[in-house]
Amino acid sequence: MAASLGLIFVAPLLLIVALMVRLQDGQAAIFSHTRYGQHGRTFKCYKLRSMVPDAAERLQALLDSNPEAKREWELTQKLTHDPRITPLGRFIRATSIDELPQLINVLKGDMSLVGPRPISLSERGKYGENFADYCSVRPGITGLWQISGRSKISYPERVRMDTSYAQTRSFWGDVMIILKTIPAVLKSEGAW
């Protein structure tokens, strides 16, 4: 119900931004990537595209030529100064507008409003024995990682947060995370 209302509420913004993304390079505005969900099932996670069309190739070239960037990527799966992100992409990431299509994932039952962020297939190994805890809940659009600094958080700390959430989740805990998400998004803290 909340996801349906949210999607209706944000639809005009989503359409405008999707058109802007499409106009910047003529490529699709929404993309999907395979992520792990509850019970270890994979699903297609939707996002507004914030990167250049050849992002995978650019990432590999950067990692091959820049040892510092490679270390940062291996530690966090993020880059502080990611050359793949478009100028519009920086804005939609900072404001979390790029995540709005995930309301469709919530409606489909792949995701929840609150939970650990969905992880890629290549990130599974970073969870080690905590992967079972991660898979015990649906991934969320927001969660402890988002309200605690996002990309400023090390990957091991993210795993700890996801594990803690899975082991202690509650209705009121989810309400608190949703309430703390609003100022976190407005501050754009750790959003790259």
N, C-alpha and C. Protein backbone atom coordinates (compact mmCIF):
# COMPACT_ATOMS: atom_id res chain seq x y z
N MET A 1 0.82 -1.20 0.00
CA MET A 1 0.00 0.00 0.00
C MET A 1 0.87 1.26 0.00
N ALA A 2 1.85 1.32 0.92
CA ALA A 2 2.72 2.50 1.00
C ALA A 2 3.51 2.67 -0.30
N ALA A 3 3.98 1.56 -0.87
CA ALA A 3 4.74 1.64 -2.12
C ALA A 3 3.86 2.13 -3.26
N SER A 4 2.61 1.68 -3.30
CA SER A 4 1.68 2.14 -4.35
C SER A 4 1.45 3.64 -4.25
N LEU A 5 1.19 4.10 -3.03
CA LEU A 5 0.97 5.54 -2.84
C LEU A 5 2.24 6.32 -3.15
N GLY A 6 3.37 5.79 -2.73
CA GLY A 6 4.65 6.45 -3.01
C GLY A 6 4.90 6.57 -4.50
N LEU A 7 4.62 5.49 -5.23
CA LEU A 7 4.84 5.50 -6.68
C LEU A 7 3.92 6.51 -7.36
N ILE A 8 2.67 6.58 -6.93
CA ILE A 8 1.74 7.56 -7.49
C ILE A 8 2.23 8.98 -7.18
N PHE A 9 2.68 9.19 -5.96
CA PHE A 9 3.14 10.51 -5.52
C PHE A 9 4.37 10.98 -6.29
N VAL A 10 5.32 10.07 -6.52
CA VAL A 10 6.59 10.46 -7.17
C VAL A 10 6.57 10.29 -8.68
N ALA A 11 5.49 9.76 -9.24
CA ALA A 11 5.43 9.50 -10.69
C ALA A 11 5.76 10.73 -11.54
N PRO A 12 5.20 11.92 -11.23
CA PRO A 12 5.55 13.08 -12.07
C PRO A 12 7.05 13.40 -12.03
N LEU A 13 7.64 13.37 -10.85
CA LEU A 13 9.08 13.62 -10.72
C LEU A 13 9.88 12.55 -11.46
N LEU A 14 9.48 11.32 -11.29
CA LEU A 14 10.16 10.20 -11.94
C LEU A 14 10.13 10.35 -13.46
N LEU A 15 8.98 10.73 -13.99
CA LEU A 15 8.86 10.91 -15.44
C LEU A 15 9.72 12.06 -15.96
N ILE A 16 9.75 13.16 -15.23
CA ILE A 16 10.56 14.31 -15.65
C ILE A 16 12.04 13.95 -15.64
N VAL A 17 12.49 13.33 -14.55
CA VAL A 17 13.91 12.99 -14.45
C VAL A 17 14.28 11.91 -15.46
N ALA A 18 13.39 10.95 -15.67
CA ALA A 18 13.66 9.91 -16.68
C ALA A 18 13.83 10.53 -18.06
N LEU A 19 13.00 11.50 -18.38
CA LEU A 19 13.13 12.20 -19.66
C LEU A 19 14.46 12.95 -19.75
N MET A 20 14.87 13.58 -18.66
CA MET A 20 16.15 14.30 -18.64
C MET A 20 17.32 13.33 -18.84
N VAL A 21 17.25 12.17 -18.20
CA VAL A 21 18.31 11.17 -18.35
C VAL A 21 18.36 10.70 -19.80
N ARG A 22 17.21 10.45 -20.37
CA ARG A 22 17.13 9.98 -21.75
C ARG A 22 17.69 11.02 -22.72
N LEU A 23 17.39 12.28 -22.47
CA LEU A 23 17.83 13.35 -23.37
C LEU A 23 19.34 13.60 -23.30
N GLN A 24 19.99 13.25 -22.19
CA GLN A 24 21.42 13.55 -22.08
C GLN A 24 22.28 12.74 -23.04
N ASP A 25 21.86 11.50 -23.38
CA ASP A 25 22.68 10.72 -24.32
C ASP A 25 21.87 9.76 -25.19
N GLY A 26 20.55 9.87 -25.13
CA GLY A 26 19.71 9.05 -25.99
C GLY A 26 19.55 7.60 -25.56
N GLN A 27 20.11 7.25 -24.42
CA GLN A 27 20.03 5.87 -23.93
C GLN A 27 18.87 5.72 -22.94
N ALA A 28 18.56 4.47 -22.61
CA ALA A 28 17.46 4.17 -21.68
C ALA A 28 17.68 4.88 -20.34
N ALA A 29 16.59 5.37 -19.75
CA ALA A 29 16.66 6.09 -18.49
C ALA A 29 16.66 5.15 -17.29
N ILE A 30 15.97 4.04 -17.42
CA ILE A 30 15.89 3.07 -16.31
C ILE A 30 16.67 1.84 -16.71
N PHE A 31 17.44 1.34 -15.77
CA PHE A 31 18.16 0.10 -16.02
C PHE A 31 17.92 -0.85 -14.86
N SER A 32 18.20 -2.09 -15.10
CA SER A 32 18.08 -3.08 -14.03
C SER A 32 19.38 -3.84 -13.91
N HIS A 33 19.64 -4.29 -12.70
CA HIS A 33 20.82 -5.09 -12.45
C HIS A 33 20.42 -6.22 -11.51
N THR A 34 21.08 -7.34 -11.61
CA THR A 34 20.73 -8.51 -10.81
C THR A 34 21.27 -8.33 -9.40
N ARG A 35 20.41 -8.54 -8.42
CA ARG A 35 20.76 -8.41 -7.01
C ARG A 35 20.22 -9.61 -6.23
N TYR A 36 20.81 -9.82 -5.07
CA TYR A 36 20.31 -10.87 -4.18
C TYR A 36 19.15 -10.31 -3.37
N GLY A 37 18.14 -11.17 -3.17
CA GLY A 37 17.01 -10.81 -2.35
C GLY A 37 16.83 -11.81 -1.22
N GLN A 38 15.63 -11.79 -0.67
CA GLN A 38 15.32 -12.69 0.44
C GLN A 38 15.47 -14.14 -0.01
N HIS A 39 15.96 -14.97 0.89
CA HIS A 39 16.20 -16.41 0.66
C HIS A 39 17.25 -16.65 -0.42
N GLY A 40 18.07 -15.65 -0.72
CA GLY A 40 19.13 -15.81 -1.70
C GLY A 40 18.66 -15.80 -3.14
N ARG A 41 17.37 -15.53 -3.35
CA ARG A 41 16.86 -15.46 -4.73
C ARG A 41 17.38 -14.18 -5.39
N THR A 42 17.62 -14.26 -6.68
CA THR A 42 18.04 -13.06 -7.40
C THR A 42 16.83 -12.40 -8.05
N PHE A 43 16.95 -11.11 -8.25
CA PHE A 43 15.89 -10.35 -8.91
C PHE A 43 16.51 -9.17 -9.65
N LYS A 44 15.74 -8.59 -10.54
CA LYS A 44 16.17 -7.41 -11.29
C LYS A 44 15.79 -6.17 -10.48
N CYS A 45 16.78 -5.43 -10.04
CA CYS A 45 16.59 -4.23 -9.24
C CYS A 45 16.61 -3.02 -10.18
N TYR A 46 15.60 -2.17 -10.10
CA TYR A 46 15.47 -1.04 -11.01
C TYR A 46 16.04 0.24 -10.42
N LYS A 47 16.67 1.04 -11.28
CA LYS A 47 17.19 2.35 -10.89
C LYS A 47 17.14 3.28 -12.09
N LEU A 48 17.11 4.57 -11.81
CA LEU A 48 17.34 5.54 -12.87
C LEU A 48 18.84 5.53 -13.17
N ARG A 49 19.18 5.55 -14.42
CA ARG A 49 20.59 5.46 -14.81
C ARG A 49 21.29 6.78 -14.48
N SER A 50 22.35 6.67 -13.70
CA SER A 50 23.13 7.84 -13.30
C SER A 50 24.53 7.83 -13.91
N MET A 51 24.82 6.80 -14.68
CA MET A 51 26.16 6.65 -15.26
C MET A 51 26.12 6.70 -16.78
N VAL A 52 27.31 6.86 -17.34
CA VAL A 52 27.46 6.83 -18.79
C VAL A 52 27.11 5.43 -19.30
N PRO A 53 26.70 5.32 -20.57
CA PRO A 53 26.31 4.00 -21.10
C PRO A 53 27.41 2.93 -21.04
N ASP A 54 28.67 3.32 -21.19
CA ASP A 54 29.76 2.33 -21.18
C ASP A 54 30.45 2.27 -19.81
N ALA A 55 29.67 2.34 -18.75
CA ALA A 55 30.20 2.42 -17.39
C ALA A 55 31.07 1.22 -17.01
N ALA A 56 30.67 0.02 -17.38
CA ALA A 56 31.44 -1.18 -17.01
C ALA A 56 32.83 -1.15 -17.62
N GLU A 57 32.92 -0.76 -18.88
CA GLU A 57 34.21 -0.68 -19.55
C GLU A 57 35.08 0.41 -18.94
N ARG A 58 34.48 1.55 -18.62
CA ARG A 58 35.24 2.64 -18.01
C ARG A 58 35.76 2.26 -16.62
N LEU A 59 34.93 1.54 -15.87
CA LEU A 59 35.36 1.09 -14.54
C LEU A 59 36.57 0.17 -14.66
N GLN A 60 36.48 -0.80 -15.54
CA GLN A 60 37.59 -1.75 -15.69
C GLN A 60 38.87 -1.05 -16.12
N ALA A 61 38.76 -0.12 -17.06
CA ALA A 61 39.94 0.63 -17.51
C ALA A 61 40.55 1.43 -16.37
N LEU A 62 39.71 2.05 -15.55
CA LEU A 62 40.20 2.83 -14.42
C LEU A 62 40.89 1.93 -13.40
N LEU A 63 40.26 0.81 -13.06
CA LEU A 63 40.84 -0.10 -12.07
C LEU A 63 42.15 -0.70 -12.55
N ASP A 64 42.24 -0.94 -13.86
CA ASP A 64 43.48 -1.48 -14.43
C ASP A 64 44.62 -0.46 -14.42
N SER A 65 44.28 0.82 -14.49
CA SER A 65 45.31 1.86 -14.62
C SER A 65 45.58 2.65 -13.34
N ASN A 66 44.72 2.50 -12.34
CA ASN A 66 44.84 3.33 -11.14
C ASN A 66 44.79 2.46 -9.88
N PRO A 67 45.94 2.12 -9.29
CA PRO A 67 45.96 1.25 -8.11
C PRO A 67 45.20 1.81 -6.91
N GLU A 68 45.21 3.14 -6.75
CA GLU A 68 44.49 3.75 -5.64
C GLU A 68 42.98 3.56 -5.80
N ALA A 69 42.48 3.79 -7.01
CA ALA A 69 41.06 3.58 -7.28
C ALA A 69 40.70 2.10 -7.10
N LYS A 70 41.59 1.21 -7.51
CA LYS A 70 41.33 -0.22 -7.36
C LYS A 70 41.21 -0.60 -5.88
N ARG A 71 42.10 -0.05 -5.04
CA ARG A 71 42.02 -0.33 -3.59
C ARG A 71 40.71 0.19 -3.02
N GLU A 72 40.33 1.42 -3.39
CA GLU A 72 39.07 1.99 -2.90
C GLU A 72 37.89 1.13 -3.33
N TRP A 73 37.88 0.69 -4.59
CA TRP A 73 36.79 -0.14 -5.11
C TRP A 73 36.71 -1.46 -4.36
N GLU A 74 37.86 -2.09 -4.14
CA GLU A 74 37.87 -3.38 -3.45
C GLU A 74 37.40 -3.26 -2.01
N LEU A 75 37.66 -2.12 -1.37
CA LEU A 75 37.26 -1.92 0.02
C LEU A 75 35.79 -1.57 0.15
N THR A 76 35.29 -0.70 -0.73
CA THR A 76 33.93 -0.16 -0.54
C THR A 76 32.94 -0.49 -1.65
N GLN A 77 33.43 -0.97 -2.81
CA GLN A 77 32.60 -1.15 -4.00
C GLN A 77 32.03 0.18 -4.48
N LYS A 78 32.71 1.27 -4.13
CA LYS A 78 32.33 2.63 -4.54
C LYS A 78 33.61 3.39 -4.85
N LEU A 79 33.48 4.48 -5.60
CA LEU A 79 34.60 5.38 -5.87
C LEU A 79 34.19 6.79 -5.47
N THR A 80 35.02 7.45 -4.67
CA THR A 80 34.71 8.81 -4.22
C THR A 80 34.54 9.74 -5.41
N HIS A 81 35.43 9.65 -6.37
CA HIS A 81 35.36 10.48 -7.58
C HIS A 81 35.17 9.56 -8.78
N ASP A 82 33.94 9.11 -8.95
CA ASP A 82 33.64 8.11 -9.97
C ASP A 82 33.42 8.79 -11.32
N PRO A 83 34.33 8.58 -12.28
CA PRO A 83 34.21 9.26 -13.58
C PRO A 83 33.06 8.74 -14.44
N ARG A 84 32.42 7.66 -14.01
CA ARG A 84 31.32 7.10 -14.80
C ARG A 84 30.02 7.84 -14.57
N ILE A 85 29.93 8.60 -13.49
CA ILE A 85 28.68 9.27 -13.13
C ILE A 85 28.53 10.56 -13.92
N THR A 86 27.38 10.75 -14.53
CA THR A 86 27.10 11.96 -15.31
C THR A 86 26.80 13.12 -14.36
N PRO A 87 26.86 14.36 -14.85
CA PRO A 87 26.49 15.50 -13.98
C PRO A 87 25.07 15.36 -13.43
N LEU A 88 24.11 14.99 -14.29
CA LEU A 88 22.75 14.76 -13.80
C LEU A 88 22.74 13.59 -12.82
N GLY A 89 23.54 12.58 -13.11
CA GLY A 89 23.63 11.42 -12.23
C GLY A 89 24.08 11.78 -10.83
N ARG A 90 25.02 12.73 -10.71
CA ARG A 90 25.47 13.17 -9.38
C ARG A 90 24.30 13.75 -8.59
N PHE A 91 23.48 14.54 -9.27
CA PHE A 91 22.33 15.14 -8.60
C PHE A 91 21.32 14.08 -8.18
N ILE A 92 20.96 13.17 -9.08
CA ILE A 92 19.93 12.20 -8.71
C ILE A 92 20.43 11.20 -7.68
N ARG A 93 21.73 10.98 -7.62
CA ARG A 93 22.29 10.13 -6.56
C ARG A 93 22.28 10.88 -5.23
N ALA A 94 22.73 12.14 -5.25
CA ALA A 94 22.78 12.92 -4.01
C ALA A 94 21.40 13.05 -3.37
N THR A 95 20.38 13.13 -4.20
CA THR A 95 19.01 13.28 -3.70
C THR A 95 18.26 11.95 -3.60
N SER A 96 18.92 10.87 -3.97
CA SER A 96 18.34 9.51 -3.97
C SER A 96 17.18 9.35 -4.94
N ILE A 97 17.02 10.27 -5.87
CA ILE A 97 15.98 10.14 -6.88
C ILE A 97 16.22 8.90 -7.74
N ASP A 98 17.48 8.52 -7.90
CA ASP A 98 17.80 7.34 -8.72
C ASP A 98 17.21 6.05 -8.15
N GLU A 99 16.86 6.06 -6.86
CA GLU A 99 16.31 4.87 -6.21
C GLU A 99 14.79 4.74 -6.37
N LEU A 100 14.12 5.78 -6.81
CA LEU A 100 12.65 5.76 -6.86
C LEU A 100 12.06 4.61 -7.66
N PRO A 101 12.66 4.17 -8.78
CA PRO A 101 12.09 3.01 -9.48
C PRO A 101 12.04 1.73 -8.64
N GLN A 102 12.77 1.71 -7.52
CA GLN A 102 12.73 0.53 -6.67
C GLN A 102 11.38 0.37 -5.97
N LEU A 103 10.55 1.40 -6.02
CA LEU A 103 9.17 1.23 -5.53
C LEU A 103 8.46 0.15 -6.34
N ILE A 104 8.84 -0.01 -7.60
CA ILE A 104 8.29 -1.10 -8.43
C ILE A 104 8.74 -2.44 -7.86
N ASN A 105 10.01 -2.53 -7.43
CA ASN A 105 10.49 -3.76 -6.80
C ASN A 105 9.73 -4.07 -5.52
N VAL A 106 9.36 -3.02 -4.77
CA VAL A 106 8.58 -3.22 -3.55
C VAL A 106 7.20 -3.76 -3.91
N LEU A 107 6.57 -3.18 -4.93
CA LEU A 107 5.25 -3.65 -5.36
C LEU A 107 5.29 -5.10 -5.84
N LYS A 108 6.39 -5.48 -6.48
CA LYS A 108 6.54 -6.86 -6.97
C LYS A 108 6.87 -7.85 -5.85
N GLY A 109 7.22 -7.34 -4.67
CA GLY A 109 7.56 -8.22 -3.56
C GLY A 109 9.03 -8.60 -3.48
N ASP A 110 9.86 -8.02 -4.36
CA ASP A 110 11.30 -8.30 -4.34
C ASP A 110 12.01 -7.55 -3.22
N MET A 111 11.47 -6.39 -2.88
CA MET A 111 12.10 -5.52 -1.89
C MET A 111 11.07 -5.03 -0.89
N SER A 112 11.57 -4.40 0.15
CA SER A 112 10.76 -3.76 1.18
C SER A 112 11.14 -2.28 1.20
N LEU A 113 10.35 -1.46 1.88
CA LEU A 113 10.76 -0.07 2.03
C LEU A 113 12.02 0.03 2.87
N VAL A 114 12.12 -0.82 3.92
CA VAL A 114 13.27 -0.79 4.83
C VAL A 114 13.93 -2.16 4.85
N GLY A 115 15.25 -2.16 4.83
CA GLY A 115 16.02 -3.39 4.90
C GLY A 115 17.43 -3.13 4.44
N PRO A 116 18.27 -4.14 4.41
CA PRO A 116 19.62 -3.94 3.87
C PRO A 116 19.54 -3.57 2.39
N ARG A 117 20.49 -2.80 1.90
CA ARG A 117 20.51 -2.49 0.47
C ARG A 117 20.72 -3.78 -0.31
N PRO A 118 20.07 -3.92 -1.48
CA PRO A 118 20.28 -5.13 -2.28
C PRO A 118 21.73 -5.19 -2.77
N ILE A 119 22.34 -6.36 -2.66
CA ILE A 119 23.74 -6.50 -3.06
C ILE A 119 23.86 -7.22 -4.39
N SER A 120 24.93 -6.88 -5.11
CA SER A 120 25.19 -7.51 -6.40
C SER A 120 25.76 -8.91 -6.19
N LEU A 121 25.78 -9.69 -7.24
CA LEU A 121 26.30 -11.05 -7.16
C LEU A 121 27.77 -11.04 -6.76
N SER A 122 28.51 -10.03 -7.20
CA SER A 122 29.94 -9.96 -6.87
C SER A 122 30.19 -9.58 -5.41
N GLU A 123 29.20 -9.05 -4.73
CA GLU A 123 29.37 -8.64 -3.34
C GLU A 123 29.10 -9.76 -2.34
N ARG A 124 28.56 -10.87 -2.79
CA ARG A 124 28.18 -11.95 -1.87
C ARG A 124 29.34 -12.36 -0.96
N GLY A 125 30.52 -12.52 -1.52
CA GLY A 125 31.68 -12.96 -0.75
C GLY A 125 32.03 -12.03 0.40
N LYS A 126 31.70 -10.76 0.28
CA LYS A 126 32.01 -9.80 1.34
C LYS A 126 31.16 -10.06 2.59
N TYR A 127 30.07 -10.79 2.45
CA TYR A 127 29.20 -11.08 3.59
C TYR A 127 29.61 -12.33 4.35
N GLY A 128 30.39 -13.20 3.71
CA GLY A 128 30.87 -14.40 4.38
C GLY A 128 29.75 -15.16 5.07
N GLU A 129 29.97 -15.49 6.34
CA GLU A 129 28.96 -16.25 7.10
C GLU A 129 27.72 -15.41 7.41
N ASN A 130 27.78 -14.09 7.20
CA ASN A 130 26.63 -13.22 7.45
C ASN A 130 25.65 -13.19 6.28
N PHE A 131 25.98 -13.88 5.19
CA PHE A 131 25.09 -13.88 4.03
C PHE A 131 23.72 -14.48 4.38
N ALA A 132 23.69 -15.48 5.25
CA ALA A 132 22.41 -16.08 5.65
C ALA A 132 21.53 -15.06 6.36
N ASP A 133 22.13 -14.23 7.22
CA ASP A 133 21.35 -13.18 7.88
C ASP A 133 20.83 -12.18 6.86
N TYR A 134 21.71 -11.78 5.94
CA TYR A 134 21.30 -10.85 4.89
C TYR A 134 20.09 -11.40 4.13
N CYS A 135 20.12 -12.68 3.81
CA CYS A 135 19.05 -13.29 3.01
C CYS A 135 17.79 -13.59 3.81
N SER A 136 17.82 -13.38 5.11
CA SER A 136 16.65 -13.69 5.93
C SER A 136 15.58 -12.60 5.83
N VAL A 137 15.91 -11.47 5.24
CA VAL A 137 14.96 -10.36 5.09
C VAL A 137 14.97 -9.86 3.65
N ARG A 138 13.92 -9.15 3.29
CA ARG A 138 13.91 -8.51 1.98
C ARG A 138 14.84 -7.30 2.01
N PRO A 139 15.58 -7.08 0.93
CA PRO A 139 16.38 -5.86 0.88
C PRO A 139 15.46 -4.65 0.80
N GLY A 140 15.97 -3.50 1.22
CA GLY A 140 15.13 -2.31 1.29
C GLY A 140 15.65 -1.14 0.48
N ILE A 141 14.74 -0.20 0.25
CA ILE A 141 15.11 1.05 -0.41
C ILE A 141 15.94 1.89 0.55
N THR A 142 15.62 1.84 1.82
CA THR A 142 16.40 2.53 2.84
C THR A 142 16.71 1.55 3.96
N GLY A 143 17.70 1.92 4.76
CA GLY A 143 18.09 1.05 5.86
C GLY A 143 19.15 1.72 6.71
N LEU A 144 19.75 0.95 7.60
CA LEU A 144 20.75 1.49 8.52
C LEU A 144 21.92 2.14 7.78
N TRP A 145 22.36 1.52 6.69
CA TRP A 145 23.50 2.05 5.94
C TRP A 145 23.20 3.45 5.40
N GLN A 146 21.99 3.65 4.87
CA GLN A 146 21.63 4.94 4.29
C GLN A 146 21.56 6.04 5.34
N ILE A 147 21.08 5.72 6.53
CA ILE A 147 20.94 6.76 7.55
C ILE A 147 22.22 6.95 8.37
N SER A 148 23.23 6.14 8.10
CA SER A 148 24.47 6.20 8.89
C SER A 148 25.65 6.75 8.10
N GLY A 149 25.42 7.26 6.90
CA GLY A 149 26.51 7.86 6.16
C GLY A 149 26.78 7.26 4.79
N ARG A 150 26.03 6.24 4.39
CA ARG A 150 26.15 5.61 3.07
C ARG A 150 27.59 5.33 2.69
N SER A 151 28.05 5.95 1.63
CA SER A 151 29.36 5.62 1.07
C SER A 151 30.53 5.96 1.99
N LYS A 152 30.29 6.70 3.05
CA LYS A 152 31.34 6.98 4.03
C LYS A 152 31.61 5.76 4.92
N ILE A 153 30.70 4.81 4.90
CA ILE A 153 30.79 3.62 5.76
C ILE A 153 31.62 2.56 5.04
N SER A 154 32.54 1.94 5.76
CA SER A 154 33.34 0.87 5.15
C SER A 154 32.44 -0.33 4.86
N TYR A 155 32.87 -1.17 3.94
CA TYR A 155 32.04 -2.32 3.60
C TYR A 155 31.88 -3.28 4.78
N PRO A 156 32.93 -3.58 5.54
CA PRO A 156 32.72 -4.45 6.72
C PRO A 156 31.71 -3.87 7.71
N GLU A 157 31.69 -2.54 7.86
CA GLU A 157 30.71 -1.91 8.75
C GLU A 157 29.31 -2.03 8.16
N ARG A 158 29.20 -1.91 6.86
CA ARG A 158 27.90 -2.10 6.20
C ARG A 158 27.38 -3.51 6.45
N VAL A 159 28.25 -4.51 6.33
CA VAL A 159 27.86 -5.90 6.59
C VAL A 159 27.39 -6.04 8.03
N ARG A 160 28.11 -5.39 8.96
CA ARG A 160 27.72 -5.46 10.37
C ARG A 160 26.34 -4.85 10.57
N MET A 161 26.08 -3.71 9.93
CA MET A 161 24.78 -3.05 10.04
C MET A 161 23.67 -3.92 9.46
N ASP A 162 23.92 -4.49 8.29
CA ASP A 162 22.91 -5.36 7.65
C ASP A 162 22.61 -6.57 8.52
N THR A 163 23.64 -7.15 9.11
CA THR A 163 23.46 -8.32 9.97
C THR A 163 22.68 -7.93 11.22
N SER A 164 23.03 -6.81 11.82
CA SER A 164 22.33 -6.32 13.00
C SER A 164 20.86 -6.08 12.68
N TYR A 165 20.58 -5.44 11.56
CA TYR A 165 19.19 -5.19 11.16
C TYR A 165 18.43 -6.50 11.03
N ALA A 166 19.01 -7.47 10.34
CA ALA A 166 18.33 -8.74 10.11
C ALA A 166 18.03 -9.47 11.42
N GLN A 167 18.92 -9.34 12.39
CA GLN A 167 18.76 -10.05 13.65
C GLN A 167 17.83 -9.34 14.63
N THR A 168 17.63 -8.03 14.45
CA THR A 168 16.86 -7.27 15.45
C THR A 168 15.70 -6.47 14.85
N ARG A 169 15.34 -6.72 13.62
CA ARG A 169 14.34 -5.88 12.96
C ARG A 169 13.01 -5.87 13.72
N SER A 170 12.34 -4.73 13.62
CA SER A 170 11.04 -4.57 14.26
C SER A 170 10.26 -3.48 13.53
N PHE A 171 8.98 -3.46 13.73
CA PHE A 171 8.13 -2.45 13.11
C PHE A 171 8.60 -1.05 13.51
N TRP A 172 8.79 -0.82 14.82
CA TRP A 172 9.18 0.51 15.29
C TRP A 172 10.59 0.87 14.84
N GLY A 173 11.45 -0.11 14.74
CA GLY A 173 12.78 0.14 14.20
C GLY A 173 12.70 0.62 12.76
N ASP A 174 11.81 -0.01 11.98
CA ASP A 174 11.62 0.41 10.58
C ASP A 174 11.05 1.83 10.51
N VAL A 175 10.11 2.14 11.40
CA VAL A 175 9.55 3.50 11.42
C VAL A 175 10.65 4.51 11.70
N MET A 176 11.52 4.21 12.67
CA MET A 176 12.62 5.13 13.00
C MET A 176 13.57 5.30 11.81
N ILE A 177 13.86 4.21 11.10
CA ILE A 177 14.74 4.30 9.94
C ILE A 177 14.11 5.18 8.86
N ILE A 178 12.82 5.00 8.62
CA ILE A 178 12.13 5.84 7.62
C ILE A 178 12.19 7.31 8.02
N LEU A 179 11.94 7.60 9.30
CA LEU A 179 11.98 8.99 9.76
C LEU A 179 13.38 9.58 9.65
N LYS A 180 14.41 8.79 9.90
CA LYS A 180 15.79 9.28 9.80
C LYS A 180 16.27 9.36 8.35
N THR A 181 15.57 8.68 7.45
CA THR A 181 15.96 8.73 6.04
C THR A 181 15.74 10.12 5.45
N ILE A 182 14.69 10.77 5.86
CA ILE A 182 14.36 12.09 5.29
C ILE A 182 15.50 13.08 5.50
N PRO A 183 15.98 13.31 6.74
CA PRO A 183 17.11 14.24 6.87
C PRO A 183 18.40 13.72 6.23
N ALA A 184 18.60 12.42 6.21
CA ALA A 184 19.81 11.87 5.57
C ALA A 184 19.81 12.18 4.08
N VAL A 185 18.66 12.06 3.44
CA VAL A 185 18.55 12.37 2.01
C VAL A 185 18.72 13.87 1.78
N LEU A 186 18.11 14.68 2.63
CA LEU A 186 18.22 16.13 2.47
C LEU A 186 19.65 16.61 2.64
N LYS A 187 20.42 15.96 3.51
CA LYS A 187 21.83 16.33 3.71
C LYS A 187 22.73 15.74 2.63
N SER A 188 22.25 14.75 1.91
CA SER A 188 23.04 14.04 0.88
C SER A 188 24.34 13.49 1.45
N GLU A 189 24.34 13.17 2.73
CA GLU A 189 25.57 12.70 3.37
C GLU A 189 26.01 11.34 2.83
N GLY A 190 27.23 11.27 2.36
CA GLY A 190 27.80 10.02 1.88
C GLY A 190 27.24 9.55 0.55
N ALA A 191 26.51 10.40 -0.15
CA ALA A 191 25.90 10.00 -1.43
C ALA A 191 26.86 10.33 -2.56
N TRP A 192 27.42 9.29 -3.19
CA TRP A 192 28.28 9.48 -4.36
C TRP A 192 27.80 8.59 -5.45
